[in-house]
Every structure is written in C-alpha cells, then in structure tokens.
Amino acid sequence: MPQVPYRYYIPGLIWFTILTILLIIPGSTLPKNPFFEALQIDKWVHIFLFAGLIILWTLPAAYAGADISTRRSWNL
C-alpha cells in the first residue's frame, strides 16, 4: 500500500483539536434548556462529533489506493 501524504490527515487533526476543545468545556457552563433535555440532544451531539472524527480519520486510508479486499476488511 502506498504511503499517504500528510495533507490527507489535516482535516482529521483539525477536527480532533476542535473536538478536544469542546470536550473540555465544563457541562455547568452550557445553557440549560428543557427542550434539549427532552430530545437528549447531548447524545446526538456526541454521536455527530465522534462519527465525524471516525470518518475524517479513516479518509486517508481510503485515499491510500488499497485494493478492494483490504478496504472491505477495514469497512471503507
């Protein structure tokens, strides 16, 4: 498998940095809203944040030019 250029990792690294900053914000500083609690918006936000991280972190492997059997084993 060919080596992936570092520029393909930049979106994942930027998203990881944003995610880290957002995750260190104390929950007590966020506004309380019964509407958000009813929808359990906290869980949906976490799903979105970590799904984005997974997608951006696996894109370099998809661009690596791996053959189809290797990509299927990675579920890409």
C-alpha atoms as a PDB file:
ATOM      1  CA  MET A   1       0.000   0.000   0.000  1.00  0.00           C
ATOM      2  CA  PRO A   2       1.471   3.405  -0.931  1.00  0.00           C
ATOM      3  CA  GLN A   3       2.281   5.944   1.733  1.00  0.00           C
ATOM      4  CA  VAL A   4      -0.460   8.515   2.298  1.00  0.00           C
ATOM      5  CA  PRO A   5       0.583  12.190   2.073  1.00  0.00           C
ATOM      6  CA  TYR A   6       0.328  14.057   5.362  1.00  0.00           C
ATOM      7  CA  ARG A   7      -2.117  16.584   3.921  1.00  0.00           C
ATOM      8  CA  TYR A   8      -4.847  13.927   3.959  1.00  0.00           C
ATOM      9  CA  TYR A   9      -4.563  13.782   7.756  1.00  0.00           C
ATOM     10  CA  ILE A  10      -5.053  17.538   8.245  1.00  0.00           C
ATOM     11  CA  PRO A  11      -8.917  17.522   8.331  1.00  0.00           C
ATOM     12  CA  GLY A  12      -8.885  14.736  10.929  1.00  0.00           C
ATOM     13  CA  LEU A  13      -6.300  16.537  13.045  1.00  0.00           C
ATOM     14  CA  ILE A  14      -8.250  19.806  12.889  1.00  0.00           C
ATOM     15  CA  TRP A  15     -11.475  18.009  13.841  1.00  0.00           C
ATOM     16  CA  PHE A  16      -9.644  16.218  16.687  1.00  0.00           C
ATOM     17  CA  THR A  17      -8.401  19.581  18.002  1.00  0.00           C
ATOM     18  CA  ILE A  18     -11.901  21.105  17.845  1.00  0.00           C
ATOM     19  CA  LEU A  19     -13.361  18.009  19.490  1.00  0.00           C
ATOM     20  CA  THR A  20     -10.810  18.132  22.300  1.00  0.00           C
ATOM     21  CA  ILE A  21     -11.545  21.804  22.976  1.00  0.00           C
ATOM     22  CA  LEU A  22     -15.307  21.174  23.001  1.00  0.00           C
ATOM     23  CA  LEU A  23     -14.984  18.169  25.305  1.00  0.00           C
ATOM     24  CA  ILE A  24     -13.009  20.043  27.959  1.00  0.00           C
ATOM     25  CA  ILE A  25     -15.747  22.682  28.353  1.00  0.00           C
ATOM     26  CA  PRO A  26     -17.443  22.043  31.708  1.00  0.00           C
ATOM     27  CA  GLY A  27     -21.081  20.995  31.369  1.00  0.00           C
ATOM     28  CA  SER A  28     -22.109  23.500  34.021  1.00  0.00           C
ATOM     29  CA  THR A  29     -21.218  26.391  31.683  1.00  0.00           C
ATOM     30  CA  LEU A  30     -23.617  25.241  28.969  1.00  0.00           C
ATOM     31  CA  PRO A  31     -27.155  26.682  28.985  1.00  0.00           C
ATOM     32  CA  LYS A  32     -29.938  24.520  30.393  1.00  0.00           C
ATOM     33  CA  ASN A  33     -32.983  24.097  28.200  1.00  0.00           C
ATOM     34  CA  PRO A  34     -35.793  21.590  28.821  1.00  0.00           C
ATOM     35  CA  PHE A  35     -36.306  21.233  25.061  1.00  0.00           C
ATOM     36  CA  PHE A  36     -32.734  19.967  24.626  1.00  0.00           C
ATOM     37  CA  GLU A  37     -33.118  17.594  27.556  1.00  0.00           C
ATOM     38  CA  ALA A  38     -36.322  16.131  26.114  1.00  0.00           C
ATOM     39  CA  LEU A  39     -34.602  15.369  22.804  1.00  0.00           C
ATOM     40  CA  GLN A  40     -31.474  14.125  24.584  1.00  0.00           C
ATOM     41  CA  ILE A  41     -29.506  16.451  22.350  1.00  0.00           C
ATOM     42  CA  ASP A  42     -26.329  15.695  24.304  1.00  0.00           C
ATOM     43  CA  LYS A  43     -26.249  12.133  22.990  1.00  0.00           C
ATOM     44  CA  TRP A  44     -26.861  13.253  19.396  1.00  0.00           C
ATOM     45  CA  VAL A  45     -24.080  15.823  19.610  1.00  0.00           C
ATOM     46  CA  HIS A  46     -21.654  13.169  20.844  1.00  0.00           C
ATOM     47  CA  ILE A  47     -22.685  10.808  18.029  1.00  0.00           C
ATOM     48  CA  PHE A  48     -22.107  13.571  15.463  1.00  0.00           C
ATOM     49  CA  LEU A  49     -18.747  14.607  16.928  1.00  0.00           C
ATOM     50  CA  PHE A  50     -17.278  11.121  17.148  1.00  0.00           C
ATOM     51  CA  ALA A  51     -18.749   9.944  13.824  1.00  0.00           C
ATOM     52  CA  GLY A  52     -17.094  12.928  12.176  1.00  0.00           C
ATOM     53  CA  LEU A  53     -13.814  12.017  13.825  1.00  0.00           C
ATOM     54  CA  ILE A  54     -14.044   8.419  12.619  1.00  0.00           C
ATOM     55  CA  ILE A  55     -14.883   9.463   9.058  1.00  0.00           C
ATOM     56  CA  LEU A  56     -12.143  12.080   8.837  1.00  0.00           C
ATOM     57  CA  TRP A  57      -9.574   9.787  10.433  1.00  0.00           C
ATOM     58  CA  THR A  58     -10.262   6.908   8.022  1.00  0.00           C
ATOM     59  CA  LEU A  59     -10.298   9.013   4.834  1.00  0.00           C
ATOM     60  CA  PRO A  60      -6.504   8.824   4.415  1.00  0.00           C
ATOM     61  CA  ALA A  61      -6.754   5.035   4.336  1.00  0.00           C
ATOM     62  CA  ALA A  62      -9.420   5.304   1.644  1.00  0.00           C
ATOM     63  CA  TYR A  63      -7.156   7.577  -0.413  1.00  0.00           C
ATOM     64  CA  ALA A  64      -4.189   5.247   0.029  1.00  0.00           C
ATOM     65  CA  GLY A  65      -5.139   3.231  -3.010  1.00  0.00           C
ATOM     66  CA  ALA A  66      -5.665  -0.021  -1.148  1.00  0.00           C
ATOM     67  CA  ASP A  67      -7.183  -2.851  -3.120  1.00  0.00           C
ATOM     68  CA  ILE A  68     -10.866  -3.638  -2.651  1.00  0.00           C
ATOM     69  CA  SER A  69     -10.357  -6.650  -0.357  1.00  0.00           C
ATOM     70  CA  THR A  70      -8.232  -4.599   2.047  1.00  0.00           C
ATOM     71  CA  ARG A  71     -10.757  -1.748   2.032  1.00  0.00           C
ATOM     72  CA  ARG A  72     -13.593  -4.177   2.741  1.00  0.00           C
ATOM     73  CA  SER A  73     -11.698  -5.591   5.700  1.00  0.00           C
ATOM     74  CA  TRP A  74     -11.400  -2.013   7.003  1.00  0.00           C
ATOM     75  CA  ASN A  75     -15.080  -1.350   6.151  1.00  0.00           C
ATOM     76  CA  LEU A  76     -14.224   1.647   3.945  1.00  0.00           C
END
